[in-house]
Amino acid sequence: DSAAVGAAIRTIAENHQALFGLGVDGVISDSKVFCTHDVCATKLRKSFNGLPAWDHEQTVSTKGDTIFAITGVFDEPRLASPSPYIADESSFRDAIAKHFSVDPELVRLNQAAELGIARVGSADYYAFRLQNVLVNASPYDIFIDAETDNVAKALTLLYESSVSASGTAIDGSTVSFQANQNGSSYQMV
């Protein structure tokens, strides 16, 4: 039962705060369990000082009653207490336009910004996360440093993947293959 697995993993994490990088101010804010047969992966989301720590997630992998792997970030953020940061859509739009070298009119914010803790490499920072931002009609999740008001991270929401395809060979037979596109080039495997 995935609900029981999730509750058990969450209890283990809360009882071993140092191991799971929670420190004094951290809590498990959410957990999600994905199972295939008796192998489960439980994703633990953390928060510190009431703010979500997006890049501090961990995944605990289990088989039956045995934990066989824990991956993710094992240390707590090294930050002073948060300041009262102001979410200003106009300044966000300007920062995003500057980052992408486009006119601010080409930036569309679809959701309210969320203040939290982000990470680049091993450096933590307070950031506003803006999800599903359209920049010149392309979707991104964008992180704006709350101290500098600059874009710290922009993650594209468009991903290329291969698809199953088929075609007719020179001899008239049908051939199945994987088709990949990379820019204007196509690859058939």
C-alpha atoms as a PDB file:
ATOM      1  CA  ASP A   1       0.000   0.000   0.000  1.00  0.00           C
ATOM      2  CA  SER A   2       1.678   3.219  -1.186  1.00  0.00           C
ATOM      3  CA  ALA A   3       0.025   5.370   1.518  1.00  0.00           C
ATOM      4  CA  ALA A   4       1.574   3.186   4.234  1.00  0.00           C
ATOM      5  CA  VAL A   5       4.989   3.320   2.522  1.00  0.00           C
ATOM      6  CA  GLY A   6       4.818   7.116   2.321  1.00  0.00           C
ATOM      7  CA  ALA A   7       3.802   7.471   5.968  1.00  0.00           C
ATOM      8  CA  ALA A   8       6.586   5.114   7.100  1.00  0.00           C
ATOM      9  CA  ILE A   9       9.272   6.947   5.084  1.00  0.00           C
ATOM     10  CA  ARG A  10       8.033  10.314   6.314  1.00  0.00           C
ATOM     11  CA  THR A  11       8.211   9.082   9.940  1.00  0.00           C
ATOM     12  CA  ILE A  12      11.756   7.798   9.408  1.00  0.00           C
ATOM     13  CA  ALA A  13      12.813  11.175   7.959  1.00  0.00           C
ATOM     14  CA  GLU A  14      11.224  13.113  10.819  1.00  0.00           C
ATOM     15  CA  ASN A  15      12.902  10.838  13.381  1.00  0.00           C
ATOM     16  CA  HIS A  16      16.334  11.230  11.724  1.00  0.00           C
ATOM     17  CA  GLN A  17      16.375  14.946  10.900  1.00  0.00           C
ATOM     18  CA  ALA A  18      20.169  15.244  10.637  1.00  0.00           C
ATOM     19  CA  LEU A  19      20.423  12.356   8.155  1.00  0.00           C
ATOM     20  CA  PHE A  20      17.693  13.841   5.971  1.00  0.00           C
ATOM     21  CA  GLY A  21      19.104  17.392   6.052  1.00  0.00           C
ATOM     22  CA  LEU A  22      16.249  18.922   8.025  1.00  0.00           C
ATOM     23  CA  GLY A  23      18.309  20.529  10.790  1.00  0.00           C
ATOM     24  CA  VAL A  24      16.390  22.489  13.417  1.00  0.00           C
ATOM     25  CA  ASP A  25      14.122  24.550  11.134  1.00  0.00           C
ATOM     26  CA  GLY A  26      13.239  21.968   8.473  1.00  0.00           C
ATOM     27  CA  VAL A  27      10.119  19.873   8.052  1.00  0.00           C
ATOM     28  CA  ILE A  28       8.831  17.408   5.494  1.00  0.00           C
ATOM     29  CA  SER A  29       6.123  19.466   3.791  1.00  0.00           C
ATOM     30  CA  ASP A  30       4.915  16.824   1.345  1.00  0.00           C
ATOM     31  CA  SER A  31       5.598  13.301   0.167  1.00  0.00           C
ATOM     32  CA  LYS A  32       4.566  11.422  -2.956  1.00  0.00           C
ATOM     33  CA  VAL A  33       4.926   7.699  -3.529  1.00  0.00           C
ATOM     34  CA  PHE A  34       5.302   5.920  -6.861  1.00  0.00           C
ATOM     35  CA  CYS A  35       5.285   2.104  -6.796  1.00  0.00           C
ATOM     36  CA  THR A  36       5.790  -0.689  -9.302  1.00  0.00           C
ATOM     37  CA  HIS A  37       5.096  -4.066  -7.717  1.00  0.00           C
ATOM     38  CA  ASP A  38       7.063  -4.067  -4.424  1.00  0.00           C
ATOM     39  CA  VAL A  39       9.571  -1.340  -5.439  1.00  0.00           C
ATOM     40  CA  CYS A  40       8.621   2.192  -4.396  1.00  0.00           C
ATOM     41  CA  ALA A  41      10.154   5.645  -4.733  1.00  0.00           C
ATOM     42  CA  THR A  42       9.030   8.192  -2.154  1.00  0.00           C
ATOM     43  CA  LYS A  43       9.775  11.834  -2.985  1.00  0.00           C
ATOM     44  CA  LEU A  44      10.147  14.017   0.108  1.00  0.00           C
ATOM     45  CA  ARG A  45       9.647  17.761  -0.228  1.00  0.00           C
ATOM     46  CA  LYS A  46      11.086  19.974   2.495  1.00  0.00           C
ATOM     47  CA  SER A  47      10.489  23.449   3.823  1.00  0.00           C
ATOM     48  CA  PHE A  48      12.565  25.668   6.113  1.00  0.00           C
ATOM     49  CA  ASN A  49      11.292  28.664   8.080  1.00  0.00           C
ATOM     50  CA  GLY A  50       7.917  28.071   6.438  1.00  0.00           C
ATOM     51  CA  LEU A  51       9.322  28.387   2.894  1.00  0.00           C
ATOM     52  CA  PRO A  52       9.469  25.560   0.343  1.00  0.00           C
ATOM     53  CA  ALA A  53      13.002  24.380  -0.498  1.00  0.00           C
ATOM     54  CA  TRP A  54      12.515  23.305  -4.112  1.00  0.00           C
ATOM     55  CA  ASP A  55      16.028  22.034  -4.731  1.00  0.00           C
ATOM     56  CA  HIS A  56      16.360  20.148  -1.432  1.00  0.00           C
ATOM     57  CA  GLU A  57      14.099  17.221  -2.293  1.00  0.00           C
ATOM     58  CA  GLN A  58      15.075  13.642  -1.599  1.00  0.00           C
ATOM     59  CA  THR A  59      13.902  10.342  -3.043  1.00  0.00           C
ATOM     60  CA  VAL A  60      13.865   7.250  -0.854  1.00  0.00           C
ATOM     61  CA  SER A  61      13.772   3.959  -2.786  1.00  0.00           C
ATOM     62  CA  THR A  62      12.424   0.822  -1.120  1.00  0.00           C
ATOM     63  CA  LYS A  63      11.861  -2.806  -1.992  1.00  0.00           C
ATOM     64  CA  GLY A  64       9.402  -4.398   0.361  1.00  0.00           C
ATOM     65  CA  ASP A  65      10.404  -3.247   3.852  1.00  0.00           C
ATOM     66  CA  THR A  66      14.006  -2.372   2.916  1.00  0.00           C
ATOM     67  CA  ILE A  67      15.400   1.043   1.991  1.00  0.00           C
ATOM     68  CA  PHE A  68      18.020   0.496  -0.704  1.00  0.00           C
ATOM     69  CA  ALA A  69      18.767   4.071  -1.819  1.00  0.00           C
ATOM     70  CA  ILE A  70      18.324   7.679  -0.757  1.00  0.00           C
ATOM     71  CA  THR A  71      19.189  10.387  -3.277  1.00  0.00           C
ATOM     72  CA  GLY A  72      18.939  14.155  -3.185  1.00  0.00           C
ATOM     73  CA  VAL A  73      20.251  16.954  -0.991  1.00  0.00           C
ATOM     74  CA  PHE A  74      21.368  15.902   2.492  1.00  0.00           C
ATOM     75  CA  ASP A  75      22.216  19.307   3.963  1.00  0.00           C
ATOM     76  CA  GLU A  76      19.968  22.111   5.110  1.00  0.00           C
ATOM     77  CA  PRO A  77      20.123  25.537   3.444  1.00  0.00           C
ATOM     78  CA  ARG A  78      22.808  27.837   4.817  1.00  0.00           C
ATOM     79  CA  LEU A  79      20.858  31.090   4.850  1.00  0.00           C
ATOM     80  CA  ALA A  80      20.050  33.837   7.313  1.00  0.00           C
ATOM     81  CA  SER A  81      16.387  34.229   8.215  1.00  0.00           C
ATOM     82  CA  PRO A  82      14.397  35.556   5.258  1.00  0.00           C
ATOM     83  CA  SER A  83      13.724  39.275   4.827  1.00  0.00           C
ATOM     84  CA  PRO A  84      10.283  40.593   3.899  1.00  0.00           C
ATOM     85  CA  TYR A  85      10.734  40.330   0.123  1.00  0.00           C
ATOM     86  CA  ILE A  86       8.235  42.060  -2.176  1.00  0.00           C
ATOM     87  CA  ALA A  87       6.752  40.277  -5.182  1.00  0.00           C
ATOM     88  CA  ASP A  88       6.498  42.864  -7.958  1.00  0.00           C
ATOM     89  CA  GLU A  89       5.184  41.523 -11.284  1.00  0.00           C
ATOM     90  CA  SER A  90       6.451  44.522 -13.225  1.00  0.00           C
ATOM     91  CA  SER A  91      10.032  44.098 -11.994  1.00  0.00           C
ATOM     92  CA  PHE A  92       9.795  40.325 -12.608  1.00  0.00           C
ATOM     93  CA  ARG A  93       8.666  40.933 -16.189  1.00  0.00           C
ATOM     94  CA  ASP A  94      11.529  43.428 -16.727  1.00  0.00           C
ATOM     95  CA  ALA A  95      14.132  41.029 -15.266  1.00  0.00           C
ATOM     96  CA  ILE A  96      12.885  38.162 -17.428  1.00  0.00           C
ATOM     97  CA  ALA A  97      12.874  40.351 -20.554  1.00  0.00           C
ATOM     98  CA  LYS A  98      16.441  41.473 -19.810  1.00  0.00           C
ATOM     99  CA  HIS A  99      17.580  37.870 -19.238  1.00  0.00           C
ATOM    100  CA  PHE A 100      16.134  36.686 -22.555  1.00  0.00           C
ATOM    101  CA  SER A 101      16.912  39.949 -24.432  1.00  0.00           C
ATOM    102  CA  VAL A 102      13.279  40.453 -25.454  1.00  0.00           C
ATOM    103  CA  ASP A 103      10.737  43.234 -25.059  1.00  0.00           C
ATOM    104  CA  PRO A 104       8.790  43.027 -21.738  1.00  0.00           C
ATOM    105  CA  GLU A 105       5.587  42.833 -23.831  1.00  0.00           C
ATOM    106  CA  LEU A 106       6.706  39.338 -24.930  1.00  0.00           C
ATOM    107  CA  VAL A 107       6.746  38.074 -21.308  1.00  0.00           C
ATOM    108  CA  ARG A 108       3.501  36.683 -19.891  1.00  0.00           C
ATOM    109  CA  LEU A 109       3.243  35.680 -16.218  1.00  0.00           C
ATOM    110  CA  ASN A 110       0.543  33.031 -15.797  1.00  0.00           C
ATOM    111  CA  GLN A 111       0.683  32.425 -12.047  1.00  0.00           C
ATOM    112  CA  ALA A 112       1.533  34.365  -8.907  1.00  0.00           C
ATOM    113  CA  ALA A 113       5.149  34.188  -7.769  1.00  0.00           C
ATOM    114  CA  GLU A 114       6.008  31.940  -4.829  1.00  0.00           C
ATOM    115  CA  LEU A 115       8.802  32.811  -2.387  1.00  0.00           C
ATOM    116  CA  GLY A 116      11.042  29.920  -1.410  1.00  0.00           C
ATOM    117  CA  ILE A 117      14.560  28.555  -1.267  1.00  0.00           C
ATOM    118  CA  ALA A 118      16.403  27.617  -4.457  1.00  0.00           C
ATOM    119  CA  ARG A 119      19.891  26.327  -5.138  1.00  0.00           C
ATOM    120  CA  VAL A 120      22.520  26.698  -7.843  1.00  0.00           C
ATOM    121  CA  GLY A 121      25.371  24.227  -7.335  1.00  0.00           C
ATOM    122  CA  SER A 122      25.858  24.206  -3.573  1.00  0.00           C
ATOM    123  CA  ALA A 123      24.744  27.825  -3.050  1.00  0.00           C
ATOM    124  CA  ASP A 124      21.279  28.390  -1.604  1.00  0.00           C
ATOM    125  CA  TYR A 125      19.356  31.630  -2.081  1.00  0.00           C
ATOM    126  CA  TYR A 126      15.887  33.054  -1.492  1.00  0.00           C
ATOM    127  CA  ALA A 127      13.997  33.203  -4.755  1.00  0.00           C
ATOM    128  CA  PHE A 128      10.664  33.847  -6.326  1.00  0.00           C
ATOM    129  CA  ARG A 129       9.552  30.926  -8.471  1.00  0.00           C
ATOM    130  CA  LEU A 130       7.334  31.791 -11.412  1.00  0.00           C
ATOM    131  CA  GLN A 131       5.841  28.753 -13.093  1.00  0.00           C
ATOM    132  CA  ASN A 132       4.741  28.439 -16.707  1.00  0.00           C
ATOM    133  CA  VAL A 133       6.002  31.867 -17.794  1.00  0.00           C
ATOM    134  CA  LEU A 134       5.690  32.469 -21.526  1.00  0.00           C
ATOM    135  CA  VAL A 135       8.680  34.197 -23.085  1.00  0.00           C
ATOM    136  CA  ASN A 136       8.093  34.897 -26.760  1.00  0.00           C
ATOM    137  CA  ALA A 137       5.481  32.059 -26.665  1.00  0.00           C
ATOM    138  CA  SER A 138       7.933  29.510 -25.136  1.00  0.00           C
ATOM    139  CA  PRO A 139       7.124  28.189 -21.614  1.00  0.00           C
ATOM    140  CA  TYR A 140       9.612  28.335 -18.727  1.00  0.00           C
ATOM    141  CA  ASP A 141       9.801  27.960 -14.959  1.00  0.00           C
ATOM    142  CA  ILE A 142      11.837  30.955 -13.792  1.00  0.00           C
ATOM    143  CA  PHE A 143      13.608  31.623 -10.514  1.00  0.00           C
ATOM    144  CA  ILE A 144      14.356  35.245  -9.617  1.00  0.00           C
ATOM    145  CA  ASP A 145      16.877  35.914  -6.847  1.00  0.00           C
ATOM    146  CA  ALA A 146      14.941  37.755  -4.117  1.00  0.00           C
ATOM    147  CA  GLU A 147      18.024  39.815  -3.130  1.00  0.00           C
ATOM    148  CA  THR A 148      19.185  40.956  -6.582  1.00  0.00           C
ATOM    149  CA  ASP A 149      15.920  40.760  -8.591  1.00  0.00           C
ATOM    150  CA  ASN A 150      17.872  39.008 -11.382  1.00  0.00           C
ATOM    151  CA  VAL A 151      16.892  35.776 -13.110  1.00  0.00           C
ATOM    152  CA  ALA A 152      18.981  33.087 -11.438  1.00  0.00           C
ATOM    153  CA  LYS A 153      17.576  30.096 -13.287  1.00  0.00           C
ATOM    154  CA  ALA A 154      15.280  29.551 -16.280  1.00  0.00           C
ATOM    155  CA  LEU A 155      14.116  26.013 -16.993  1.00  0.00           C
ATOM    156  CA  THR A 156      12.492  25.294 -20.319  1.00  0.00           C
ATOM    157  CA  LEU A 157       9.249  23.352 -20.259  1.00  0.00           C
ATOM    158  CA  LEU A 158       9.705  22.098 -23.824  1.00  0.00           C
ATOM    159  CA  TYR A 159      11.463  18.766 -24.129  1.00  0.00           C
ATOM    160  CA  GLU A 160      12.334  16.799 -27.206  1.00  0.00           C
ATOM    161  CA  SER A 161      11.852  13.062 -27.125  1.00  0.00           C
ATOM    162  CA  SER A 162      11.961  10.197 -29.522  1.00  0.00           C
ATOM    163  CA  VAL A 163       8.800   8.676 -30.934  1.00  0.00           C
ATOM    164  CA  SER A 164       8.012   5.305 -32.412  1.00  0.00           C
ATOM    165  CA  ALA A 165       7.702   5.487 -36.183  1.00  0.00           C
ATOM    166  CA  SER A 166       7.554   3.220 -39.185  1.00  0.00           C
ATOM    167  CA  GLY A 167       8.313   3.486 -42.864  1.00  0.00           C
ATOM    168  CA  THR A 168       8.673   1.526 -46.045  1.00  0.00           C
ATOM    169  CA  ALA A 169      12.103   0.188 -47.004  1.00  0.00           C
ATOM    170  CA  ILE A 170      13.368   0.147 -50.610  1.00  0.00           C
ATOM    171  CA  ASP A 171      12.300  -3.514 -50.936  1.00  0.00           C
ATOM    172  CA  GLY A 172       8.730  -2.611 -49.901  1.00  0.00           C
ATOM    173  CA  SER A 173       8.894  -4.068 -46.375  1.00  0.00           C
ATOM    174  CA  THR A 174       7.668  -2.100 -43.351  1.00  0.00           C
ATOM    175  CA  VAL A 175      10.376  -1.056 -40.891  1.00  0.00           C
ATOM    176  CA  SER A 176       9.768   0.165 -37.299  1.00  0.00           C
ATOM    177  CA  PHE A 177      12.227   2.574 -35.670  1.00  0.00           C
ATOM    178  CA  GLN A 178      12.656   5.414 -33.156  1.00  0.00           C
ATOM    179  CA  ALA A 179      12.694   8.910 -34.673  1.00  0.00           C
ATOM    180  CA  ASN A 180      14.563  11.780 -32.974  1.00  0.00           C
ATOM    181  CA  GLN A 181      14.645  15.431 -33.981  1.00  0.00           C
ATOM    182  CA  ASN A 182      17.539  17.686 -33.051  1.00  0.00           C
ATOM    183  CA  GLY A 183      17.018  21.135 -34.507  1.00  0.00           C
ATOM    184  CA  SER A 184      16.516  20.655 -38.223  1.00  0.00           C
ATOM    185  CA  SER A 185      18.147  17.192 -38.285  1.00  0.00           C
ATOM    186  CA  TYR A 186      16.286  13.910 -37.905  1.00  0.00           C
ATOM    187  CA  GLN A 187      17.758  10.637 -36.707  1.00  0.00           C
ATOM    188  CA  MET A 188      16.203   7.203 -37.235  1.00  0.00           C
ATOM    189  CA  VAL A 189      17.383   4.450 -34.885  1.00  0.00           C
END
